[in-house]
């Protein structure tokens, strides 16, 4: 029977907390001003971490934020090494999480469909 909480998921949760704090306090690049870490996936061997992020607001496009975060990955990894008690810190790979954009798009489509349905019902009465 597998354990309920695997080590990789515990490490992922800790990485998410620490990276959010480090990005907010240590990174001064304006391209990552409104970045939110949405999810961290760590490989079972703890050598690689895929960090999904979103950008709030329109002032910082996601390709620039991804480039800035991947450029700062070495600095962040070094800072994590001082904070976490791990034998080795995973390689950090930042990937833009577009699920918020897709959810907003679907929400707009649903609202439009509901409005169209409501208007159609008024015309038929």
N, C-alpha and C. Protein backbone atom coordinates (compact mmCIF):
# COMPACT_ATOMS: atom_id res chain seq x y z
N UNK A 1 0.85 -1.18 0.00
CA UNK A 1 0.00 0.00 0.00
C UNK A 1 0.89 1.24 0.00
N UNK A 2 0.73 2.15 -0.99
CA UNK A 2 1.58 3.33 -1.02
C UNK A 2 1.23 4.30 0.10
N UNK A 3 2.23 5.04 0.52
CA UNK A 3 1.99 6.02 1.56
C UNK A 3 1.06 7.12 1.05
N UNK A 4 0.30 7.67 1.96
CA UNK A 4 -0.67 8.69 1.56
C UNK A 4 0.05 9.94 1.05
N UNK A 5 1.11 10.34 1.70
CA UNK A 5 1.87 11.51 1.29
C UNK A 5 3.27 11.08 0.88
N UNK A 6 3.52 11.10 -0.42
CA UNK A 6 4.84 10.74 -0.89
C UNK A 6 5.81 11.88 -0.62
N UNK A 7 7.07 11.55 -0.57
CA UNK A 7 8.07 12.56 -0.28
C UNK A 7 8.09 13.64 -1.36
N UNK A 8 7.93 13.25 -2.62
CA UNK A 8 7.97 14.23 -3.70
C UNK A 8 6.84 15.25 -3.56
N UNK A 9 5.66 14.83 -3.10
CA UNK A 9 4.57 15.80 -2.92
C UNK A 9 4.84 16.72 -1.74
N UNK A 10 5.46 16.21 -0.68
CA UNK A 10 5.81 17.07 0.45
C UNK A 10 6.88 18.09 0.05
N UNK A 11 7.85 17.64 -0.73
CA UNK A 11 8.89 18.55 -1.21
C UNK A 11 8.27 19.59 -2.14
N UNK A 12 7.33 19.19 -2.98
CA UNK A 12 6.66 20.12 -3.90
C UNK A 12 5.92 21.21 -3.12
N UNK A 13 5.22 20.82 -2.07
CA UNK A 13 4.50 21.80 -1.25
C UNK A 13 5.47 22.79 -0.60
N UNK A 14 6.57 22.28 -0.09
CA UNK A 14 7.56 23.14 0.56
C UNK A 14 8.20 24.08 -0.47
N UNK A 15 8.51 23.54 -1.65
CA UNK A 15 9.08 24.37 -2.71
C UNK A 15 8.12 25.49 -3.10
N UNK A 16 6.84 25.18 -3.21
CA UNK A 16 5.86 26.19 -3.59
C UNK A 16 5.83 27.32 -2.56
N UNK A 17 5.81 26.97 -1.27
CA UNK A 17 5.80 28.00 -0.23
C UNK A 17 7.05 28.86 -0.28
N UNK A 18 8.21 28.20 -0.34
CA UNK A 18 9.48 28.94 -0.28
C UNK A 18 9.71 29.76 -1.55
N UNK A 19 9.38 29.20 -2.73
CA UNK A 19 9.56 29.95 -3.97
C UNK A 19 8.66 31.18 -4.02
N UNK A 20 7.43 31.04 -3.57
CA UNK A 20 6.53 32.19 -3.54
C UNK A 20 7.12 33.30 -2.69
N UNK A 21 7.63 32.94 -1.55
CA UNK A 21 8.23 33.92 -0.65
C UNK A 21 9.51 34.53 -1.25
N UNK A 22 10.37 33.69 -1.81
CA UNK A 22 11.62 34.19 -2.41
C UNK A 22 11.36 35.12 -3.59
N UNK A 23 10.43 34.75 -4.45
CA UNK A 23 10.12 35.59 -5.61
C UNK A 23 9.57 36.93 -5.15
N UNK A 24 8.71 36.90 -4.16
CA UNK A 24 8.11 38.14 -3.67
C UNK A 24 9.14 39.05 -3.00
N UNK A 25 10.07 38.46 -2.22
CA UNK A 25 11.00 39.29 -1.44
C UNK A 25 12.35 39.52 -2.10
N UNK A 26 12.84 38.58 -2.90
CA UNK A 26 14.22 38.66 -3.39
C UNK A 26 14.36 39.10 -4.85
N UNK A 27 13.40 38.77 -5.69
CA UNK A 27 13.52 39.07 -7.11
C UNK A 27 12.98 40.49 -7.35
N UNK A 28 13.84 41.35 -7.85
CA UNK A 28 13.46 42.75 -8.08
C UNK A 28 13.11 43.04 -9.53
N UNK A 29 13.12 42.04 -10.38
CA UNK A 29 12.82 42.21 -11.79
C UNK A 29 11.35 42.59 -11.96
N UNK A 30 11.04 43.71 -12.64
CA UNK A 30 9.64 44.11 -12.79
C UNK A 30 8.80 43.14 -13.63
N UNK A 31 9.44 42.27 -14.40
CA UNK A 31 8.70 41.30 -15.21
C UNK A 31 8.04 40.23 -14.36
N UNK A 32 8.49 40.05 -13.12
CA UNK A 32 7.92 39.02 -12.24
C UNK A 32 7.20 39.65 -11.05
N UNK A 33 6.77 40.89 -11.24
CA UNK A 33 6.13 41.63 -10.15
C UNK A 33 4.84 40.97 -9.66
N UNK A 34 4.01 40.50 -10.55
CA UNK A 34 2.70 39.94 -10.17
C UNK A 34 2.62 38.44 -10.47
N UNK A 35 3.68 37.71 -10.22
CA UNK A 35 3.71 36.27 -10.48
C UNK A 35 3.17 35.51 -9.28
N UNK A 36 2.35 34.51 -9.56
CA UNK A 36 1.83 33.62 -8.54
C UNK A 36 2.19 32.19 -8.91
N UNK A 37 2.78 31.46 -7.97
CA UNK A 37 3.10 30.06 -8.19
C UNK A 37 1.81 29.26 -7.97
N UNK A 38 1.33 28.61 -9.02
CA UNK A 38 0.06 27.89 -8.92
C UNK A 38 0.24 26.41 -8.59
N UNK A 39 1.34 25.82 -9.02
CA UNK A 39 1.55 24.39 -8.77
C UNK A 39 3.02 24.06 -8.94
N UNK A 40 3.50 23.09 -8.17
CA UNK A 40 4.86 22.58 -8.30
C UNK A 40 4.77 21.06 -8.40
N UNK A 41 5.38 20.51 -9.44
CA UNK A 41 5.46 19.06 -9.61
C UNK A 41 6.93 18.67 -9.53
N UNK A 42 7.25 17.76 -8.63
CA UNK A 42 8.62 17.30 -8.45
C UNK A 42 8.70 15.85 -8.91
N UNK A 43 9.75 15.54 -9.66
CA UNK A 43 9.94 14.16 -10.12
C UNK A 43 10.18 13.25 -8.92
N UNK A 44 9.86 11.96 -9.07
CA UNK A 44 10.04 11.03 -7.94
C UNK A 44 11.48 10.95 -7.42
N UNK A 45 12.46 11.19 -8.30
CA UNK A 45 13.85 11.16 -7.84
C UNK A 45 14.32 12.51 -7.29
N UNK A 46 13.42 13.50 -7.23
CA UNK A 46 13.68 14.83 -6.67
C UNK A 46 14.78 15.59 -7.41
N UNK A 47 14.99 15.30 -8.69
CA UNK A 47 16.04 15.99 -9.44
C UNK A 47 15.49 17.15 -10.27
N UNK A 48 14.21 17.13 -10.60
CA UNK A 48 13.62 18.17 -11.43
C UNK A 48 12.30 18.62 -10.82
N UNK A 49 12.06 19.92 -10.93
CA UNK A 49 10.80 20.49 -10.46
C UNK A 49 10.21 21.35 -11.56
N UNK A 50 8.97 21.07 -11.90
CA UNK A 50 8.23 21.86 -12.89
C UNK A 50 7.35 22.82 -12.10
N UNK A 51 7.61 24.12 -12.24
CA UNK A 51 6.88 25.13 -11.49
C UNK A 51 5.93 25.85 -12.43
N UNK A 52 4.63 25.72 -12.18
CA UNK A 52 3.62 26.40 -12.97
C UNK A 52 3.30 27.73 -12.31
N UNK A 53 3.24 28.80 -13.11
CA UNK A 53 2.97 30.12 -12.56
C UNK A 53 1.95 30.84 -13.43
N UNK A 54 1.30 31.81 -12.83
CA UNK A 54 0.41 32.70 -13.58
C UNK A 54 0.82 34.13 -13.28
N UNK A 55 0.41 35.04 -14.17
CA UNK A 55 0.73 36.45 -14.03
C UNK A 55 -0.57 37.21 -13.87
N UNK A 56 -0.69 37.95 -12.79
CA UNK A 56 -1.88 38.76 -12.56
C UNK A 56 -1.68 40.12 -13.21
N UNK A 57 -2.70 40.59 -13.87
CA UNK A 57 -2.62 41.89 -14.52
C UNK A 57 -2.03 41.78 -15.92
N UNK A 58 -2.20 42.82 -16.70
CA UNK A 58 -1.75 42.79 -18.10
C UNK A 58 -0.43 43.50 -18.31
N UNK A 59 0.16 44.07 -17.25
CA UNK A 59 1.39 44.83 -17.45
C UNK A 59 2.62 43.97 -17.68
N UNK A 60 2.56 42.68 -17.39
CA UNK A 60 3.71 41.81 -17.59
C UNK A 60 3.29 40.58 -18.40
N UNK A 61 3.59 40.55 -19.68
CA UNK A 61 3.22 39.39 -20.49
C UNK A 61 3.94 38.13 -20.03
N UNK A 62 3.29 37.00 -20.23
CA UNK A 62 3.83 35.74 -19.72
C UNK A 62 5.15 35.31 -20.33
N UNK A 63 5.46 35.55 -21.63
CA UNK A 63 6.76 35.10 -22.13
C UNK A 63 7.93 35.82 -21.44
N UNK A 64 7.74 37.10 -21.15
CA UNK A 64 8.79 37.85 -20.47
C UNK A 64 8.95 37.36 -19.03
N UNK A 65 7.84 37.08 -18.36
CA UNK A 65 7.91 36.58 -16.99
C UNK A 65 8.57 35.20 -16.95
N UNK A 66 8.25 34.34 -17.92
CA UNK A 66 8.87 33.01 -17.98
C UNK A 66 10.37 33.14 -18.21
N UNK A 67 10.77 34.03 -19.10
CA UNK A 67 12.20 34.23 -19.36
C UNK A 67 12.90 34.75 -18.11
N UNK A 68 12.28 35.68 -17.40
CA UNK A 68 12.89 36.24 -16.19
C UNK A 68 13.02 35.17 -15.10
N UNK A 69 11.98 34.37 -14.92
CA UNK A 69 12.03 33.33 -13.89
C UNK A 69 13.05 32.25 -14.23
N UNK A 70 13.10 31.83 -15.48
CA UNK A 70 14.09 30.82 -15.86
C UNK A 70 15.50 31.38 -15.77
N UNK A 71 15.66 32.68 -16.00
CA UNK A 71 16.97 33.31 -15.85
C UNK A 71 17.38 33.34 -14.37
N UNK A 72 16.40 33.53 -13.47
CA UNK A 72 16.68 33.60 -12.04
C UNK A 72 16.66 32.23 -11.37
N UNK A 73 16.47 31.16 -12.14
CA UNK A 73 16.35 29.82 -11.56
C UNK A 73 17.58 29.42 -10.76
N UNK A 74 18.75 29.75 -11.25
CA UNK A 74 19.98 29.42 -10.52
C UNK A 74 20.05 30.13 -9.18
N UNK A 75 19.73 31.42 -9.17
CA UNK A 75 19.70 32.18 -7.92
C UNK A 75 18.69 31.59 -6.95
N UNK A 76 17.49 31.28 -7.46
CA UNK A 76 16.44 30.72 -6.60
C UNK A 76 16.83 29.35 -6.06
N UNK A 77 17.46 28.55 -6.89
CA UNK A 77 17.90 27.22 -6.45
C UNK A 77 18.95 27.34 -5.35
N UNK A 78 19.87 28.27 -5.52
CA UNK A 78 20.90 28.49 -4.50
C UNK A 78 20.26 28.96 -3.18
N UNK A 79 19.29 29.88 -3.28
CA UNK A 79 18.61 30.38 -2.08
C UNK A 79 17.82 29.26 -1.41
N UNK A 80 17.21 28.39 -2.20
CA UNK A 80 16.49 27.25 -1.63
C UNK A 80 17.44 26.30 -0.91
N UNK A 81 18.66 26.17 -1.43
CA UNK A 81 19.65 25.31 -0.80
C UNK A 81 20.01 25.77 0.60
N UNK A 82 19.94 27.08 0.83
CA UNK A 82 20.23 27.60 2.17
C UNK A 82 19.05 27.42 3.12
N UNK A 83 17.84 27.32 2.56
CA UNK A 83 16.64 27.25 3.38
C UNK A 83 16.22 25.80 3.68
N UNK A 84 16.22 24.96 2.66
CA UNK A 84 15.70 23.61 2.79
C UNK A 84 16.77 22.63 3.24
N UNK A 85 16.33 21.60 3.91
CA UNK A 85 17.24 20.54 4.35
C UNK A 85 17.11 19.35 3.42
N UNK A 86 17.63 19.51 2.21
CA UNK A 86 17.63 18.45 1.22
C UNK A 86 19.06 18.17 0.79
N UNK A 87 19.31 16.94 0.44
CA UNK A 87 20.64 16.58 -0.04
C UNK A 87 20.97 17.33 -1.33
N UNK A 88 20.01 17.38 -2.24
CA UNK A 88 20.20 18.16 -3.46
C UNK A 88 18.89 18.87 -3.79
N UNK A 89 19.02 20.08 -4.29
CA UNK A 89 17.86 20.89 -4.66
C UNK A 89 17.51 20.59 -6.11
N UNK A 90 16.24 20.37 -6.42
CA UNK A 90 15.86 20.05 -7.80
C UNK A 90 16.16 21.20 -8.78
N UNK A 91 16.39 20.83 -10.03
CA UNK A 91 16.51 21.83 -11.10
C UNK A 91 15.12 22.46 -11.26
N UNK A 92 15.07 23.77 -11.41
CA UNK A 92 13.81 24.49 -11.50
C UNK A 92 13.49 24.82 -12.95
N UNK A 93 12.28 24.45 -13.38
CA UNK A 93 11.81 24.73 -14.74
C UNK A 93 10.47 25.46 -14.62
N UNK A 94 10.44 26.72 -15.01
CA UNK A 94 9.23 27.54 -14.89
C UNK A 94 8.43 27.48 -16.18
N UNK A 95 7.12 27.21 -16.03
CA UNK A 95 6.21 27.07 -17.16
C UNK A 95 4.95 27.88 -16.86
N UNK A 96 4.51 28.65 -17.85
CA UNK A 96 3.31 29.47 -17.67
C UNK A 96 2.08 28.57 -17.57
N UNK A 97 1.23 28.83 -16.59
CA UNK A 97 0.00 28.08 -16.36
C UNK A 97 -1.16 28.86 -16.97
N UNK A 98 -1.69 28.38 -18.07
CA UNK A 98 -2.76 29.09 -18.76
C UNK A 98 -4.16 28.64 -18.33
N UNK A 99 -4.27 27.89 -17.26
CA UNK A 99 -5.58 27.39 -16.83
C UNK A 99 -6.49 28.54 -16.39
N UNK A 100 -5.94 29.60 -15.82
CA UNK A 100 -6.75 30.76 -15.41
C UNK A 100 -7.32 31.46 -16.65
N UNK A 101 -6.50 31.59 -17.70
CA UNK A 101 -6.97 32.21 -18.94
C UNK A 101 -8.06 31.37 -19.59
N UNK A 102 -7.86 30.06 -19.61
CA UNK A 102 -8.87 29.17 -20.19
C UNK A 102 -10.16 29.22 -19.39
N UNK A 103 -10.06 29.27 -18.05
CA UNK A 103 -11.26 29.34 -17.21
C UNK A 103 -12.01 30.64 -17.45
N UNK A 104 -11.31 31.75 -17.59
CA UNK A 104 -11.96 33.03 -17.86
C UNK A 104 -12.65 33.01 -19.23
N UNK A 105 -11.99 32.40 -20.21
CA UNK A 105 -12.58 32.29 -21.55
C UNK A 105 -13.85 31.44 -21.52
N UNK A 106 -13.80 30.30 -20.84
CA UNK A 106 -14.99 29.44 -20.73
C UNK A 106 -16.11 30.14 -19.99
N UNK A 107 -15.77 30.88 -18.94
CA UNK A 107 -16.77 31.62 -18.19
C UNK A 107 -17.46 32.66 -19.08
N UNK A 108 -16.68 33.35 -19.91
CA UNK A 108 -17.25 34.34 -20.83
C UNK A 108 -18.17 33.67 -21.85
N UNK A 109 -17.77 32.50 -22.35
CA UNK A 109 -18.62 31.77 -23.29
C UNK A 109 -19.94 31.33 -22.65
N UNK A 110 -19.88 30.87 -21.42
CA UNK A 110 -21.09 30.43 -20.71
C UNK A 110 -22.02 31.61 -20.47
N UNK A 111 -21.46 32.75 -20.06
CA UNK A 111 -22.28 33.94 -19.83
C UNK A 111 -22.94 34.40 -21.13
N UNK A 112 -22.20 34.34 -22.23
CA UNK A 112 -22.75 34.74 -23.53
C UNK A 112 -23.87 33.79 -23.94
N UNK A 113 -23.66 32.49 -23.75
CA UNK A 113 -24.68 31.51 -24.10
C UNK A 113 -25.94 31.70 -23.25
N UNK A 114 -25.76 31.97 -21.97
CA UNK A 114 -26.92 32.21 -21.09
C UNK A 114 -27.67 33.48 -21.50
N UNK A 115 -26.93 34.51 -21.86
CA UNK A 115 -27.57 35.76 -22.29
C UNK A 115 -28.33 35.54 -23.59
N UNK A 116 -27.73 34.81 -24.53
CA UNK A 116 -28.40 34.52 -25.79
C UNK A 116 -29.66 33.69 -25.57
N UNK A 117 -29.58 32.73 -24.68
CA UNK A 117 -30.73 31.87 -24.36
C UNK A 117 -31.84 32.71 -23.73
N UNK A 118 -31.47 33.60 -22.83
CA UNK A 118 -32.44 34.46 -22.17
C UNK A 118 -33.12 35.37 -23.18
N UNK A 119 -32.35 35.94 -24.10
CA UNK A 119 -32.92 36.82 -25.14
C UNK A 119 -33.83 36.03 -26.07
N UNK A 120 -33.48 34.82 -26.42
CA UNK A 120 -34.29 33.98 -27.30
C UNK A 120 -35.63 33.65 -26.64
N UNK A 121 -35.58 33.35 -25.33
CA UNK A 121 -36.82 33.02 -24.60
C UNK A 121 -37.75 34.23 -24.55
N UNK A 122 -37.21 35.44 -24.43
CA UNK A 122 -38.05 36.64 -24.41
C UNK A 122 -38.73 36.85 -25.75
N UNK A 123 -38.01 36.55 -26.85
CA UNK A 123 -38.56 36.73 -28.19
C UNK A 123 -39.69 35.75 -28.48
N UNK A 124 -39.59 34.53 -27.93
CA UNK A 124 -40.59 33.51 -28.22
C UNK A 124 -41.84 33.65 -27.36
N UNK A 125 -41.82 34.47 -26.34
CA UNK A 125 -42.99 34.61 -25.44
C UNK A 125 -43.94 35.64 -25.93
